[in-house]
Amino acid sequence: MIGTEKAKKDAIKKAGRVSDLLVEAVNGGVQESFINEKRIEAEIRALASTIARFMKQTDQWLAASHSINTAVKEIGDFENWMKSMDFDCKSINAAIRNIYQQ
């Protein structure tokens, strides 16, 4: 009976040890998952910050591009105005010559 009692205590002790090892294994996985989750969250925040910075830069480039396009259009408008003025001046000059020659 003493041998049976000792075997029972030994079995309970070993079952407790197995239980502790199982809990450690599960907790280790949970802890690793938690650490990975925190890393992923940090990377998401960094990525969101980078995206926001790129969006701001893109908006600045679009604004600069629009300004350049407007300036080029204005140059083209000025060039057309100059051609029109040149034509008008030549027409006036021709009219004055015709009047002067008569």
PDB file of N, CA and C in Angstrom:
ATOM      1  N   MET A   1       0.797  -1.173   0.000  1.00  0.00           N
ATOM      2  CA  MET A   1       0.000   0.000   0.000  1.00  0.00           C
ATOM      3  C   MET A   1       0.859   1.264   0.000  1.00  0.00           C
ATOM      4  N   ILE A   2       1.945   1.190   0.701  1.00  0.00           N
ATOM      5  CA  ILE A   2       2.867   2.314   0.741  1.00  0.00           C
ATOM      6  C   ILE A   2       3.437   2.544  -0.659  1.00  0.00           C
ATOM      7  N   GLY A   3       3.742   1.493  -1.368  1.00  0.00           N
ATOM      8  CA  GLY A   3       4.251   1.600  -2.733  1.00  0.00           C
ATOM      9  C   GLY A   3       3.219   2.211  -3.654  1.00  0.00           C
ATOM     10  N   THR A   4       1.953   1.857  -3.444  1.00  0.00           N
ATOM     11  CA  THR A   4       0.871   2.405  -4.262  1.00  0.00           C
ATOM     12  C   THR A   4       0.691   3.887  -3.967  1.00  0.00           C
ATOM     13  N   GLU A   5       0.768   4.238  -2.727  1.00  0.00           N
ATOM     14  CA  GLU A   5       0.632   5.645  -2.316  1.00  0.00           C
ATOM     15  C   GLU A   5       1.777   6.474  -2.901  1.00  0.00           C
ATOM     16  N   LYS A   6       2.965   5.924  -2.880  1.00  0.00           N
ATOM     17  CA  LYS A   6       4.139   6.618  -3.434  1.00  0.00           C
ATOM     18  C   LYS A   6       3.995   6.756  -4.939  1.00  0.00           C
ATOM     19  N   ALA A   7       3.515   5.726  -5.600  1.00  0.00           N
ATOM     20  CA  ALA A   7       3.326   5.777  -7.046  1.00  0.00           C
ATOM     21  C   ALA A   7       2.256   6.811  -7.399  1.00  0.00           C
ATOM     22  N   LYS A   8       1.206   6.882  -6.549  1.00  0.00           N
ATOM     23  CA  LYS A   8       0.131   7.854  -6.777  1.00  0.00           C
ATOM     24  C   LYS A   8       0.676   9.273  -6.640  1.00  0.00           C
ATOM     25  N   LYS A   9       1.440   9.551  -5.609  1.00  0.00           N
ATOM     26  CA  LYS A   9       2.036  10.877  -5.407  1.00  0.00           C
ATOM     27  C   LYS A   9       2.996  11.227  -6.546  1.00  0.00           C
ATOM     28  N   ASP A  10       3.776  10.234  -6.947  1.00  0.00           N
ATOM     29  CA  ASP A  10       4.719  10.441  -8.047  1.00  0.00           C
ATOM     30  C   ASP A  10       3.971  10.747  -9.341  1.00  0.00           C
ATOM     31  N   ALA A  11       2.873  10.027  -9.589  1.00  0.00           N
ATOM     32  CA  ALA A  11       2.067  10.267 -10.796  1.00  0.00           C
ATOM     33  C   ALA A  11       1.449  11.657 -10.759  1.00  0.00           C
ATOM     34  N   ILE A  12       0.955  12.091  -9.593  1.00  0.00           N
ATOM     35  CA  ILE A  12       0.366  13.431  -9.451  1.00  0.00           C
ATOM     36  C   ILE A  12       1.428  14.497  -9.675  1.00  0.00           C
ATOM     37  N   LYS A  13       2.617  14.254  -9.122  1.00  0.00           N
ATOM     38  CA  LYS A  13       3.730  15.199  -9.296  1.00  0.00           C
ATOM     39  C   LYS A  13       4.110  15.318 -10.773  1.00  0.00           C
ATOM     40  N   LYS A  14       4.205  14.190 -11.441  1.00  0.00           N
ATOM     41  CA  LYS A  14       4.567  14.194 -12.864  1.00  0.00           C
ATOM     42  C   LYS A  14       3.458  14.813 -13.709  1.00  0.00           C
ATOM     43  N   ALA A  15       2.198  14.558 -13.359  1.00  0.00           N
ATOM     44  CA  ALA A  15       1.073  15.165 -14.078  1.00  0.00           C
ATOM     45  C   ALA A  15       1.105  16.686 -13.915  1.00  0.00           C
ATOM     46  N   GLY A  16       1.450  17.141 -12.702  1.00  0.00           N
ATOM     47  CA  GLY A  16       1.590  18.579 -12.451  1.00  0.00           C
ATOM     48  C   GLY A  16       2.693  19.182 -13.297  1.00  0.00           C
ATOM     49  N   ARG A  17       3.793  18.445 -13.395  1.00  0.00           N
ATOM     50  CA  ARG A  17       4.930  18.930 -14.219  1.00  0.00           C
ATOM     51  C   ARG A  17       4.524  19.001 -15.680  1.00  0.00           C
ATOM     52  N   VAL A  18       3.814  17.974 -16.171  1.00  0.00           N
ATOM     53  CA  VAL A  18       3.339  17.978 -17.568  1.00  0.00           C
ATOM     54  C   VAL A  18       2.397  19.161 -17.783  1.00  0.00           C
ATOM     55  N   SER A  19       1.516  19.381 -16.802  1.00  0.00           N
ATOM     56  CA  SER A  19       0.586  20.497 -16.887  1.00  0.00           C
ATOM     57  C   SER A  19       1.335  21.828 -16.957  1.00  0.00           C
ATOM     58  N   ASP A  20       2.351  21.981 -16.105  1.00  0.00           N
ATOM     59  CA  ASP A  20       3.161  23.211 -16.124  1.00  0.00           C
ATOM     60  C   ASP A  20       3.857  23.405 -17.472  1.00  0.00           C
ATOM     61  N   LEU A  21       4.397  22.326 -18.001  1.00  0.00           N
ATOM     62  CA  LEU A  21       5.076  22.413 -19.306  1.00  0.00           C
ATOM     63  C   LEU A  21       4.101  22.789 -20.413  1.00  0.00           C
ATOM     64  N   LEU A  22       2.891  22.222 -20.358  1.00  0.00           N
ATOM     65  CA  LEU A  22       1.876  22.566 -21.363  1.00  0.00           C
ATOM     66  C   LEU A  22       1.473  24.037 -21.259  1.00  0.00           C
ATOM     67  N   VAL A  23       1.301  24.513 -20.041  1.00  0.00           N
ATOM     68  CA  VAL A  23       0.950  25.928 -19.830  1.00  0.00           C
ATOM     69  C   VAL A  23       2.072  26.825 -20.339  1.00  0.00           C
ATOM     70  N   GLU A  24       3.317  26.479 -20.045  1.00  0.00           N
ATOM     71  CA  GLU A  24       4.464  27.260 -20.524  1.00  0.00           C
ATOM     72  C   GLU A  24       4.506  27.289 -22.047  1.00  0.00           C
ATOM     73  N   ALA A  25       4.246  26.143 -22.673  1.00  0.00           N
ATOM     74  CA  ALA A  25       4.270  26.076 -24.135  1.00  0.00           C
ATOM     75  C   ALA A  25       3.180  26.965 -24.728  1.00  0.00           C
ATOM     76  N   VAL A  26       1.979  26.890 -24.169  1.00  0.00           N
ATOM     77  CA  VAL A  26       0.870  27.720 -24.663  1.00  0.00           C
ATOM     78  C   VAL A  26       1.164  29.191 -24.409  1.00  0.00           C
ATOM     79  N   ASN A  27       1.622  29.524 -23.185  1.00  0.00           N
ATOM     80  CA  ASN A  27       1.927  30.919 -22.860  1.00  0.00           C
ATOM     81  C   ASN A  27       3.051  31.465 -23.737  1.00  0.00           C
ATOM     82  N   GLY A  28       4.035  30.616 -24.012  1.00  0.00           N
ATOM     83  CA  GLY A  28       5.128  31.053 -24.885  1.00  0.00           C
ATOM     84  C   GLY A  28       4.607  31.429 -26.262  1.00  0.00           C
ATOM     85  N   GLY A  29       3.685  30.631 -26.802  1.00  0.00           N
ATOM     86  CA  GLY A  29       3.086  30.939 -28.106  1.00  0.00           C
ATOM     87  C   GLY A  29       2.263  32.205 -28.067  1.00  0.00           C
ATOM     88  N   VAL A  30       1.517  32.376 -26.953  1.00  0.00           N
ATOM     89  CA  VAL A  30       0.707  33.589 -26.794  1.00  0.00           C
ATOM     90  C   VAL A  30       1.614  34.810 -26.690  1.00  0.00           C
ATOM     91  N   GLN A  31       2.676  34.677 -25.929  1.00  0.00           N
ATOM     92  CA  GLN A  31       3.608  35.787 -25.769  1.00  0.00           C
ATOM     93  C   GLN A  31       4.251  36.144 -27.113  1.00  0.00           C
ATOM     94  N   GLU A  32       4.656  35.148 -27.861  1.00  0.00           N
ATOM     95  CA  GLU A  32       5.258  35.383 -29.172  1.00  0.00           C
ATOM     96  C   GLU A  32       4.251  36.058 -30.102  1.00  0.00           C
ATOM     97  N   SER A  33       3.002  35.605 -30.048  1.00  0.00           N
ATOM     98  CA  SER A  33       1.952  36.225 -30.872  1.00  0.00           C
ATOM     99  C   SER A  33       1.751  37.680 -30.469  1.00  0.00           C
ATOM    100  N   PHE A  34       1.763  37.951 -29.178  1.00  0.00           N
ATOM    101  CA  PHE A  34       1.604  39.310 -28.678  1.00  0.00           C
ATOM    102  C   PHE A  34       2.742  40.206 -29.168  1.00  0.00           C
ATOM    103  N   ILE A  35       3.968  39.697 -29.075  1.00  0.00           N
ATOM    104  CA  ILE A  35       5.134  40.460 -29.545  1.00  0.00           C
ATOM    105  C   ILE A  35       5.022  40.728 -31.046  1.00  0.00           C
ATOM    106  N   ASN A  36       4.654  39.706 -31.807  1.00  0.00           N
ATOM    107  CA  ASN A  36       4.487  39.886 -33.253  1.00  0.00           C
ATOM    108  C   ASN A  36       3.389  40.903 -33.561  1.00  0.00           C
ATOM    109  N   GLU A  37       2.300  40.855 -32.796  1.00  0.00           N
ATOM    110  CA  GLU A  37       1.205  41.804 -33.003  1.00  0.00           C
ATOM    111  C   GLU A  37       1.692  43.235 -32.770  1.00  0.00           C
ATOM    112  N   LYS A  38       2.479  43.439 -31.725  1.00  0.00           N
ATOM    113  CA  LYS A  38       3.008  44.779 -31.427  1.00  0.00           C
ATOM    114  C   LYS A  38       3.953  45.247 -32.535  1.00  0.00           C
ATOM    115  N   ARG A  39       4.784  44.333 -33.060  1.00  0.00           N
ATOM    116  CA  ARG A  39       5.682  44.684 -34.171  1.00  0.00           C
ATOM    117  C   ARG A  39       4.879  45.090 -35.398  1.00  0.00           C
ATOM    118  N   ILE A  40       3.851  44.312 -35.703  1.00  0.00           N
ATOM    119  CA  ILE A  40       3.012  44.606 -36.876  1.00  0.00           C
ATOM    120  C   ILE A  40       2.322  45.961 -36.710  1.00  0.00           C
ATOM    121  N   GLU A  41       1.800  46.219 -35.500  1.00  0.00           N
ATOM    122  CA  GLU A  41       1.155  47.510 -35.253  1.00  0.00           C
ATOM    123  C   GLU A  41       2.139  48.663 -35.432  1.00  0.00           C
ATOM    124  N   ALA A  42       3.368  48.498 -34.971  1.00  0.00           N
ATOM    125  CA  ALA A  42       4.388  49.541 -35.129  1.00  0.00           C
ATOM    126  C   ALA A  42       4.702  49.754 -36.607  1.00  0.00           C
ATOM    127  N   GLU A  43       4.810  48.676 -37.364  1.00  0.00           N
ATOM    128  CA  GLU A  43       5.083  48.799 -38.793  1.00  0.00           C
ATOM    129  C   GLU A  43       3.912  49.442 -39.524  1.00  0.00           C
ATOM    130  N   ILE A  44       2.692  49.135 -39.103  1.00  0.00           N
ATOM    131  CA  ILE A  44       1.511  49.764 -39.709  1.00  0.00           C
ATOM    132  C   ILE A  44       1.533  51.275 -39.458  1.00  0.00           C
ATOM    133  N   ARG A  45       1.869  51.672 -38.228  1.00  0.00           N
ATOM    134  CA  ARG A  45       1.950  53.107 -37.921  1.00  0.00           C
ATOM    135  C   ARG A  45       3.029  53.777 -38.762  1.00  0.00           C
ATOM    136  N   ALA A  46       4.184  53.127 -38.901  1.00  0.00           N
ATOM    137  CA  ALA A  46       5.261  53.697 -39.712  1.00  0.00           C
ATOM    138  C   ALA A  46       4.840  53.799 -41.173  1.00  0.00           C
ATOM    139  N   LEU A  47       4.178  52.774 -41.662  1.00  0.00           N
ATOM    140  CA  LEU A  47       3.708  52.786 -43.049  1.00  0.00           C
ATOM    141  C   LEU A  47       2.664  53.870 -43.263  1.00  0.00           C
ATOM    142  N   ALA A  48       1.747  54.037 -42.320  1.00  0.00           N
ATOM    143  CA  ALA A  48       0.731  55.090 -42.418  1.00  0.00           C
ATOM    144  C   ALA A  48       1.384  56.464 -42.447  1.00  0.00           C
ATOM    145  N   SER A  49       2.411  56.643 -41.644  1.00  0.00           N
ATOM    146  CA  SER A  49       3.144  57.916 -41.624  1.00  0.00           C
ATOM    147  C   SER A  49       3.828  58.162 -42.965  1.00  0.00           C
ATOM    148  N   THR A  50       4.455  57.122 -43.516  1.00  0.00           N
ATOM    149  CA  THR A  50       5.116  57.247 -44.820  1.00  0.00           C
ATOM    150  C   THR A  50       4.101  57.561 -45.910  1.00  0.00           C
ATOM    151  N   ILE A  51       2.959  56.904 -45.873  1.00  0.00           N
ATOM    152  CA  ILE A  51       1.913  57.156 -46.866  1.00  0.00           C
ATOM    153  C   ILE A  51       1.432  58.601 -46.770  1.00  0.00           C
ATOM    154  N   ALA A  52       1.227  59.088 -45.554  1.00  0.00           N
ATOM    155  CA  ALA A  52       0.784  60.475 -45.369  1.00  0.00           C
ATOM    156  C   ALA A  52       1.818  61.448 -45.923  1.00  0.00           C
ATOM    157  N   ARG A  53       3.105  61.160 -45.680  1.00  0.00           N
ATOM    158  CA  ARG A  53       4.171  62.026 -46.200  1.00  0.00           C
ATOM    159  C   ARG A  53       4.182  62.013 -47.724  1.00  0.00           C
ATOM    160  N   PHE A  54       4.030  60.815 -48.329  1.00  0.00           N
ATOM    161  CA  PHE A  54       4.002  60.718 -49.789  1.00  0.00           C
ATOM    162  C   PHE A  54       2.776  61.419 -50.372  1.00  0.00           C
ATOM    163  N   MET A  55       1.642  61.330 -49.667  1.00  0.00           N
ATOM    164  CA  MET A  55       0.437  62.024 -50.145  1.00  0.00           C
ATOM    165  C   MET A  55       0.665  63.532 -50.148  1.00  0.00           C
ATOM    166  N   LYS A  56       1.305  64.043 -49.095  1.00  0.00           N
ATOM    167  CA  LYS A  56       1.599  65.474 -49.012  1.00  0.00           C
ATOM    168  C   LYS A  56       2.547  65.889 -50.137  1.00  0.00           C
ATOM    169  N   GLN A  57       3.587  65.074 -50.371  1.00  0.00           N
ATOM    170  CA  GLN A  57       4.527  65.373 -51.452  1.00  0.00           C
ATOM    171  C   GLN A  57       3.838  65.325 -52.809  1.00  0.00           C
ATOM    172  N   THR A  58       2.952  64.356 -52.997  1.00  0.00           N
ATOM    173  CA  THR A  58       2.220  64.248 -54.258  1.00  0.00           C
ATOM    174  C   THR A  58       1.350  65.478 -54.477  1.00  0.00           C
ATOM    175  N   ASP A  59       0.680  65.931 -53.419  1.00  0.00           N
ATOM    176  CA  ASP A  59      -0.137  67.143 -53.524  1.00  0.00           C
ATOM    177  C   ASP A  59       0.724  68.352 -53.883  1.00  0.00           C
ATOM    178  N   GLN A  60       1.911  68.430 -53.295  1.00  0.00           N
ATOM    179  CA  GLN A  60       2.819  69.541 -53.606  1.00  0.00           C
ATOM    180  C   GLN A  60       3.272  69.469 -55.066  1.00  0.00           C
ATOM    181  N   TRP A  61       3.595  68.252 -55.539  1.00  0.00           N
ATOM    182  CA  TRP A  61       4.003  68.097 -56.940  1.00  0.00           C
ATOM    183  C   TRP A  61       2.856  68.456 -57.880  1.00  0.00           C
ATOM    184  N   LEU A  62       1.642  68.054 -57.538  1.00  0.00           N
ATOM    185  CA  LEU A  62       0.487  68.390 -58.370  1.00  0.00           C
ATOM    186  C   LEU A  62       0.269  69.898 -58.422  1.00  0.00           C
ATOM    187  N   ALA A  63       0.416  70.563 -57.289  1.00  0.00           N
ATOM    188  CA  ALA A  63       0.266  72.023 -57.246  1.00  0.00           C
ATOM    189  C   ALA A  63       1.346  72.697 -58.093  1.00  0.00           C
ATOM    190  N   ALA A  64       2.588  72.210 -57.965  1.00  0.00           N
ATOM    191  CA  ALA A  64       3.687  72.784 -58.762  1.00  0.00           C
ATOM    192  C   ALA A  64       3.455  72.534 -60.249  1.00  0.00           C
ATOM    193  N   SER A  65       3.011  71.332 -60.582  1.00  0.00           N
ATOM    194  CA  SER A  65       2.734  70.995 -61.982  1.00  0.00           C
ATOM    195  C   SER A  65       1.627  71.883 -62.537  1.00  0.00           C
ATOM    196  N   HIS A  66       0.589  72.105 -61.742  1.00  0.00           N
ATOM    197  CA  HIS A  66      -0.507  72.973 -62.178  1.00  0.00           C
ATOM    198  C   HIS A  66      -0.001  74.397 -62.404  1.00  0.00           C
ATOM    199  N   SER A  67       0.863  74.871 -61.506  1.00  0.00           N
ATOM    200  CA  SER A  67       1.427  76.222 -61.666  1.00  0.00           C
ATOM    201  C   SER A  67       2.253  76.328 -62.941  1.00  0.00           C
ATOM    202  N   ILE A  68       3.044  75.300 -63.210  1.00  0.00           N
ATOM    203  CA  ILE A  68       3.857  75.298 -64.437  1.00  0.00           C
ATOM    204  C   ILE A  68       2.961  75.283 -65.669  1.00  0.00           C
ATOM    205  N   ASN A  69       1.922  74.438 -65.639  1.00  0.00           N
ATOM    206  CA  ASN A  69       0.994  74.383 -66.776  1.00  0.00           C
ATOM    207  C   ASN A  69       0.314  75.719 -67.001  1.00  0.00           C
ATOM    208  N   THR A  70      -0.070  76.380 -65.917  1.00  0.00           N
ATOM    209  CA  THR A  70      -0.701  77.700 -66.029  1.00  0.00           C
ATOM    210  C   THR A  70       0.272  78.705 -66.620  1.00  0.00           C
ATOM    211  N   ALA A  71       1.522  78.680 -66.156  1.00  0.00           N
ATOM    212  CA  ALA A  71       2.539  79.608 -66.682  1.00  0.00           C
ATOM    213  C   ALA A  71       2.785  79.364 -68.164  1.00  0.00           C
ATOM    214  N   VAL A  72       2.872  78.092 -68.562  1.00  0.00           N
ATOM    215  CA  VAL A  72       3.090  77.773 -69.973  1.00  0.00           C
ATOM    216  C   VAL A  72       1.904  78.246 -70.811  1.00  0.00           C
ATOM    217  N   LYS A  73       0.700  78.072 -70.286  1.00  0.00           N
ATOM    218  CA  LYS A  73      -0.504  78.532 -70.997  1.00  0.00           C
ATOM    219  C   LYS A  73      -0.470  80.051 -71.154  1.00  0.00           C
ATOM    220  N   GLU A  74      -0.079  80.732 -70.069  1.00  0.00           N
ATOM    221  CA  GLU A  74       0.002  82.194 -70.140  1.00  0.00           C
ATOM    222  C   GLU A  74       1.051  82.642 -71.146  1.00  0.00           C
ATOM    223  N   ILE A  75       2.165  81.914 -71.217  1.00  0.00           N
ATOM    224  CA  ILE A  75       3.192  82.237 -72.222  1.00  0.00           C
ATOM    225  C   ILE A  75       2.611  82.061 -73.614  1.00  0.00           C
ATOM    226  N   GLY A  76       1.875  80.972 -73.811  1.00  0.00           N
ATOM    227  CA  GLY A  76       1.233  80.748 -75.111  1.00  0.00           C
ATOM    228  C   GLY A  76       0.216  81.827 -75.417  1.00  0.00           C
ATOM    229  N   ASP A  77      -0.562  82.251 -74.423  1.00  0.00           N
ATOM    230  CA  ASP A  77      -1.534  83.337 -74.611  1.00  0.00           C
ATOM    231  C   ASP A  77      -0.813  84.631 -74.985  1.00  0.00           C
ATOM    232  N   PHE A  78       0.297  84.926 -74.293  1.00  0.00           N
ATOM    233  CA  PHE A  78       1.074  86.137 -74.585  1.00  0.00           C
ATOM    234  C   PHE A  78       1.644  86.072 -76.000  1.00  0.00           C
ATOM    235  N   GLU A  79       2.134  84.898 -76.389  1.00  0.00           N
ATOM    236  CA  GLU A  79       2.680  84.734 -77.741  1.00  0.00           C
ATOM    237  C   GLU A  79       1.591  84.978 -78.788  1.00  0.00           C
ATOM    238  N   ASN A  80       0.405  84.442 -78.558  1.00  0.00           N
ATOM    239  CA  ASN A  80      -0.706  84.682 -79.490  1.00  0.00           C
ATOM    240  C   ASN A  80      -1.082  86.161 -79.529  1.00  0.00           C
ATOM    241  N   TRP A  81      -1.080  86.800 -78.354  1.00  0.00           N
ATOM    242  CA  TRP A  81      -1.389  88.233 -78.302  1.00  0.00           C
ATOM    243  C   TRP A  81      -0.343  89.026 -79.085  1.00  0.00           C
ATOM    244  N   MET A  82       0.937  88.645 -78.920  1.00  0.00           N
ATOM    245  CA  MET A  82       2.009  89.336 -79.656  1.00  0.00           C
ATOM    246  C   MET A  82       1.843  89.155 -81.158  1.00  0.00           C
ATOM    247  N   LYS A  83       1.484  87.941 -81.584  1.00  0.00           N
ATOM    248  CA  LYS A  83       1.266  87.715 -83.020  1.00  0.00           C
ATOM    249  C   LYS A  83       0.106  88.555 -83.523  1.00  0.00           C
ATOM    250  N   SER A  84      -0.943  88.639 -82.720  1.00  0.00           N
ATOM    251  CA  SER A  84      -2.101  89.455 -83.089  1.00  0.00           C
ATOM    252  C   SER A  84      -1.710  90.924 -83.172  1.00  0.00           C
ATOM    253  N   MET A  85      -0.931  91.402 -82.173  1.00  0.00           N
ATOM    254  CA  MET A  85      -0.466  92.793 -82.183  1.00  0.00           C
ATOM    255  C   MET A  85       0.435  93.050 -83.390  1.00  0.00           C
ATOM    256  N   ASP A  86       1.305  92.105 -83.724  1.00  0.00           N
ATOM    257  CA  ASP A  86       2.185  92.232 -84.884  1.00  0.00           C
ATOM    258  C   ASP A  86       1.353  92.350 -86.157  1.00  0.00           C
ATOM    259  N   PHE A  87       0.343  91.490 -86.273  1.00  0.00           N
ATOM    260  CA  PHE A  87      -0.527  91.536 -87.449  1.00  0.00           C
ATOM    261  C   PHE A  87      -1.274  92.872 -87.505  1.00  0.00           C
ATOM    262  N   ASP A  88      -1.809  93.326 -86.346  1.00  0.00           N
ATOM    263  CA  ASP A  88      -2.521  94.608 -86.305  1.00  0.00           C
ATOM    264  C   ASP A  88      -1.600  95.766 -86.680  1.00  0.00           C
ATOM    265  N   CYS A  89      -0.362  95.755 -86.150  1.00  0.00           N
ATOM    266  CA  CYS A  89       0.600  96.816 -86.469  1.00  0.00           C
ATOM    267  C   CYS A  89       0.942  96.814 -87.950  1.00  0.00           C
ATOM    268  N   LYS A  90       1.128  95.633 -88.526  1.00  0.00           N
ATOM    269  CA  LYS A  90       1.414  95.551 -89.963  1.00  0.00           C
ATOM    270  C   LYS A  90       0.226  96.034 -90.778  1.00  0.00           C
ATOM    271  N   SER A  91      -0.984  95.695 -90.319  1.00  0.00           N
ATOM    272  CA  SER A  91      -2.184  96.162 -91.031  1.00  0.00           C
ATOM    273  C   SER A  91      -2.313  97.675 -90.954  1.00  0.00           C
ATOM    274  N   ILE A  92      -2.067  98.235 -89.770  1.00  0.00           N
ATOM    275  CA  ILE A  92      -2.133  99.696 -89.606  1.00  0.00           C
ATOM    276  C   ILE A  92      -1.055 100.350 -90.439  1.00  0.00           C
ATOM    277  N   ASN A  93       0.150  99.779 -90.431  1.00  0.00           N
ATOM    278  CA  ASN A  93       1.258 100.306 -91.213  1.00  0.00           C
ATOM    279  C   ASN A  93       0.902 100.285 -92.696  1.00  0.00           C
ATOM    280  N   ALA A  94       0.319  99.188 -93.166  1.00  0.00           N
ATOM    281  CA  ALA A  94      -0.071  99.087 -94.582  1.00  0.00           C
ATOM    282  C   ALA A  94      -1.157 100.115 -94.901  1.00  0.00           C
ATOM    283  N   ALA A  95      -2.100 100.298 -93.984  1.00  0.00           N
ATOM    284  CA  ALA A  95      -3.164 101.275 -94.212  1.00  0.00           C
ATOM    285  C   ALA A  95      -2.597 102.689 -94.272  1.00  0.00           C
ATOM    286  N   ILE A  96      -1.675 102.995 -93.356  1.00  0.00           N
ATOM    287  CA  ILE A  96      -1.057 104.338 -93.356  1.00  0.00           C
ATOM    288  C   ILE A  96      -0.272 104.528 -94.650  1.00  0.00           C
ATOM    289  N   ARG A  97       0.464 103.542 -95.118  1.00  0.00           N
ATOM    290  CA  ARG A  97       1.208 103.660 -96.377  1.00  0.00           C
ATOM    291  C   ARG A  97       0.259 103.894 -97.553  1.00  0.00           C
ATOM    292  N   ASN A  98      -0.860 103.148 -97.541  1.00  0.00           N
ATOM    293  CA  ASN A  98      -1.829 103.340 -98.621  1.00  0.00           C
ATOM    294  C   ASN A  98      -2.381 104.764 -98.603  1.00  0.00           C
ATOM    295  N   ILE A  99      -2.688 105.260 -97.410  1.00  0.00           N
ATOM    296  CA  ILE A  99      -3.207 106.639 -97.295  1.00  0.00           C
ATOM    297  C   ILE A  99      -2.133 107.617 -97.727  1.00  0.00           C
ATOM    298  N   TYR A 100      -0.903 107.407 -97.314  1.00  0.00           N
ATOM    299  CA  TYR A 100       0.186 108.312 -97.635  1.00  0.00           C
ATOM    300  C   TYR A 100       0.482 108.317 -99.121  1.00  0.00           C
ATOM    301  N   GLN A 101       0.378 107.147 -99.767  1.00  0.00           N
ATOM    302  CA  GLN A 101       0.668 107.045-101.201  1.00  0.00           C
ATOM    303  C   GLN A 101      -0.426 107.680-102.045  1.00  0.00           C
ATOM    304  N   GLN A 102      -1.607 107.838-101.537  1.00  0.00           N
ATOM    305  CA  GLN A 102      -2.697 108.398-102.340  1.00  0.00           C
ATOM    306  C   GLN A 102      -2.620 109.851-102.365  1.00  0.00           C
TER     307      GLN A 102
END
